[in-house]
């Protein structure tokens, strides 16, 4: 667990240091006025790619779950497209994505609590909707 805490500490510090925890910076990126976010995300992707290549050679299990490392392939389907579009609308309206929202709270942006509350409610509604849909499909399959 200390490794996970340190990872979160580094993540939050990096978001705050790069000003990516400020919604106005994100909104400027989305309006094609400031491309700093693109460079921060690109740099993070390179570092993460290196870590994903090296860590499985150094550790046999993931620190949070204890699961063995392995590739998890997700199919590119309708849910990915629709979910990505919905995420993009929420990102544009709130000016913040989930990880940066917590860091934004850490740098004193208390109004970000509205966005965080919306994310929790939105995720709960989606989970409830999905479980109801699965239950109705199961019931329909039993009736056949």
Protein backbone atom coordinates (compact mmCIF):
# COMPACT_ATOMS: atom_id res chain seq x y z
CA UNK A 1 0.00 0.00 0.00
CA UNK A 2 2.83 2.53 0.59
CA UNK A 3 3.83 2.17 -3.08
CA UNK A 4 0.30 3.07 -4.16
CA UNK A 5 0.30 6.11 -1.85
CA UNK A 6 3.64 7.26 -3.26
CA UNK A 7 2.29 6.82 -6.79
CA UNK A 8 -0.73 8.94 -5.95
CA UNK A 9 1.49 11.53 -4.28
CA UNK A 10 3.67 11.79 -7.37
CA UNK A 11 0.61 11.91 -9.66
CA UNK A 12 -1.05 14.69 -7.66
CA UNK A 13 2.17 16.69 -7.35
CA UNK A 14 2.77 16.40 -11.10
CA UNK A 15 -0.74 17.57 -11.93
CA UNK A 16 -0.44 20.52 -9.56
CA UNK A 17 3.08 21.41 -10.69
CA UNK A 18 2.12 21.35 -14.39
CA UNK A 19 -1.06 23.39 -13.68
CA UNK A 20 -3.20 20.60 -15.14
CA UNK A 21 -5.33 20.64 -11.98
CA UNK A 22 -6.71 24.03 -13.03
CA UNK A 23 -9.92 23.78 -15.10
CA UNK A 24 -9.10 26.95 -17.04
CA UNK A 25 -5.91 25.30 -18.37
CA UNK A 26 -7.88 22.26 -19.50
CA UNK A 27 -10.58 24.42 -21.10
CA UNK A 28 -7.90 26.44 -22.94
CA UNK A 29 -6.55 23.16 -24.31
CA UNK A 30 -10.00 22.02 -25.42
CA UNK A 31 -10.45 25.36 -27.21
CA UNK A 32 -7.08 24.90 -29.00
CA UNK A 33 -5.56 27.91 -27.21
CA UNK A 34 -2.94 26.14 -25.04
CA UNK A 35 -1.30 22.84 -25.96
CA UNK A 36 0.54 22.33 -22.66
CA UNK A 37 -1.88 19.55 -21.70
CA UNK A 38 -0.96 17.66 -24.85
CA UNK A 39 2.73 17.72 -23.89
CA UNK A 40 2.00 16.73 -20.28
CA UNK A 41 -0.16 13.80 -21.44
CA UNK A 42 2.39 12.78 -24.06
CA UNK A 43 5.23 12.84 -21.54
CA UNK A 44 3.12 10.87 -19.07
CA UNK A 45 2.28 8.29 -21.74
CA UNK A 46 5.98 7.76 -22.53
CA UNK A 47 6.89 7.33 -18.84
CA UNK A 48 3.90 5.01 -18.27
CA UNK A 49 4.83 2.93 -21.32
CA UNK A 50 8.34 2.45 -19.98
CA UNK A 51 6.98 1.55 -16.54
CA UNK A 52 4.54 -0.96 -18.05
CA UNK A 53 7.42 -2.59 -19.87
CA UNK A 54 9.76 -2.71 -16.86
CA UNK A 55 7.58 -3.30 -13.77
CA UNK A 56 6.36 -6.81 -14.71
CA UNK A 57 10.04 -7.82 -14.93
CA UNK A 58 10.72 -6.44 -11.43
CA UNK A 59 7.53 -7.53 -9.65
CA UNK A 60 5.41 -10.61 -10.21
CA UNK A 61 2.14 -9.09 -8.92
CA UNK A 62 0.32 -5.77 -9.17
CA UNK A 63 0.66 -3.75 -5.94
CA UNK A 64 -3.01 -2.80 -5.57
CA UNK A 65 -4.81 -6.00 -6.54
CA UNK A 66 -2.15 -8.67 -6.11
CA UNK A 67 -3.09 -10.05 -9.54
CA UNK A 68 -0.45 -11.31 -11.93
CA UNK A 69 0.42 -8.97 -14.75
CA UNK A 70 -1.12 -9.67 -18.12
CA UNK A 71 -2.51 -7.88 -21.12
CA UNK A 72 -6.17 -7.08 -20.88
CA UNK A 73 -7.51 -6.47 -24.33
CA UNK A 74 -10.71 -4.46 -24.56
CA UNK A 75 -12.62 -4.65 -27.77
CA UNK A 76 -13.33 -1.41 -29.57
CA UNK A 77 -17.09 -1.46 -29.62
CA UNK A 78 -20.12 0.81 -29.49
CA UNK A 79 -19.83 1.24 -25.71
CA UNK A 80 -16.29 2.61 -26.09
CA UNK A 81 -17.41 5.14 -28.69
CA UNK A 82 -20.52 6.25 -26.82
CA UNK A 83 -18.75 6.30 -23.45
CA UNK A 84 -15.87 8.29 -24.90
CA UNK A 85 -18.27 10.83 -26.40
CA UNK A 86 -20.15 11.20 -23.10
CA UNK A 87 -16.84 11.52 -21.22
CA UNK A 88 -15.74 14.21 -23.66
CA UNK A 89 -18.91 16.23 -23.13
CA UNK A 90 -18.49 16.01 -19.35
CA UNK A 91 -14.81 16.91 -19.65
CA UNK A 92 -15.66 19.95 -21.74
CA UNK A 93 -18.48 21.11 -19.46
CA UNK A 94 -16.58 20.68 -16.20
CA UNK A 95 -13.12 21.49 -17.55
CA UNK A 96 -11.57 18.68 -15.57
CA UNK A 97 -11.05 14.92 -15.72
CA UNK A 98 -11.32 12.60 -12.69
CA UNK A 99 -7.69 12.43 -11.56
CA UNK A 100 -7.11 16.12 -12.07
CA UNK A 101 -10.31 16.88 -10.14
CA UNK A 102 -8.85 15.41 -6.96
CA UNK A 103 -5.59 17.28 -7.51
CA UNK A 104 -7.60 20.45 -8.14
CA UNK A 105 -9.25 20.00 -4.76
CA UNK A 106 -5.77 19.63 -3.28
CA UNK A 107 -4.65 22.98 -4.70
CA UNK A 108 -7.63 24.73 -3.12
CA UNK A 109 -10.32 24.60 -5.79
CA UNK A 110 -13.26 23.79 -3.51
CA UNK A 111 -15.90 24.37 -6.21
CA UNK A 112 -14.53 21.28 -7.97
CA UNK A 113 -16.55 19.30 -5.41
CA UNK A 114 -19.55 19.87 -7.70
CA UNK A 115 -17.76 18.09 -10.56
CA UNK A 116 -16.64 15.27 -8.24
CA UNK A 117 -20.18 14.82 -6.93
CA UNK A 118 -21.44 14.75 -10.51
CA UNK A 119 -18.86 12.09 -11.43
CA UNK A 120 -19.91 9.88 -8.52
CA UNK A 121 -23.62 10.26 -9.28
CA UNK A 122 -23.03 9.70 -13.01
CA UNK A 123 -21.01 6.54 -12.36
CA UNK A 124 -23.64 5.26 -9.93
CA UNK A 125 -26.48 5.90 -12.40
CA UNK A 126 -24.54 4.15 -15.16
CA UNK A 127 -23.85 1.14 -12.91
CA UNK A 128 -27.49 0.96 -11.82
CA UNK A 129 -28.68 1.24 -15.43
CA UNK A 130 -26.27 -1.49 -16.54
CA UNK A 131 -27.31 -3.86 -13.72
CA UNK A 132 -31.02 -3.30 -14.48
CA UNK A 133 -30.40 -3.95 -18.16
CA UNK A 134 -28.49 -7.16 -17.40
CA UNK A 135 -31.26 -8.32 -15.05
CA UNK A 136 -33.94 -7.73 -17.69
CA UNK A 137 -31.86 -9.57 -20.33
CA UNK A 138 -31.41 -12.51 -17.92
CA UNK A 139 -35.14 -12.59 -17.19
CA UNK A 140 -35.94 -12.49 -20.92
CA UNK A 141 -33.51 -15.36 -21.58
CA UNK A 142 -35.17 -17.47 -18.85
CA UNK A 143 -38.62 -16.81 -20.30
CA UNK A 144 -37.52 -18.22 -23.67
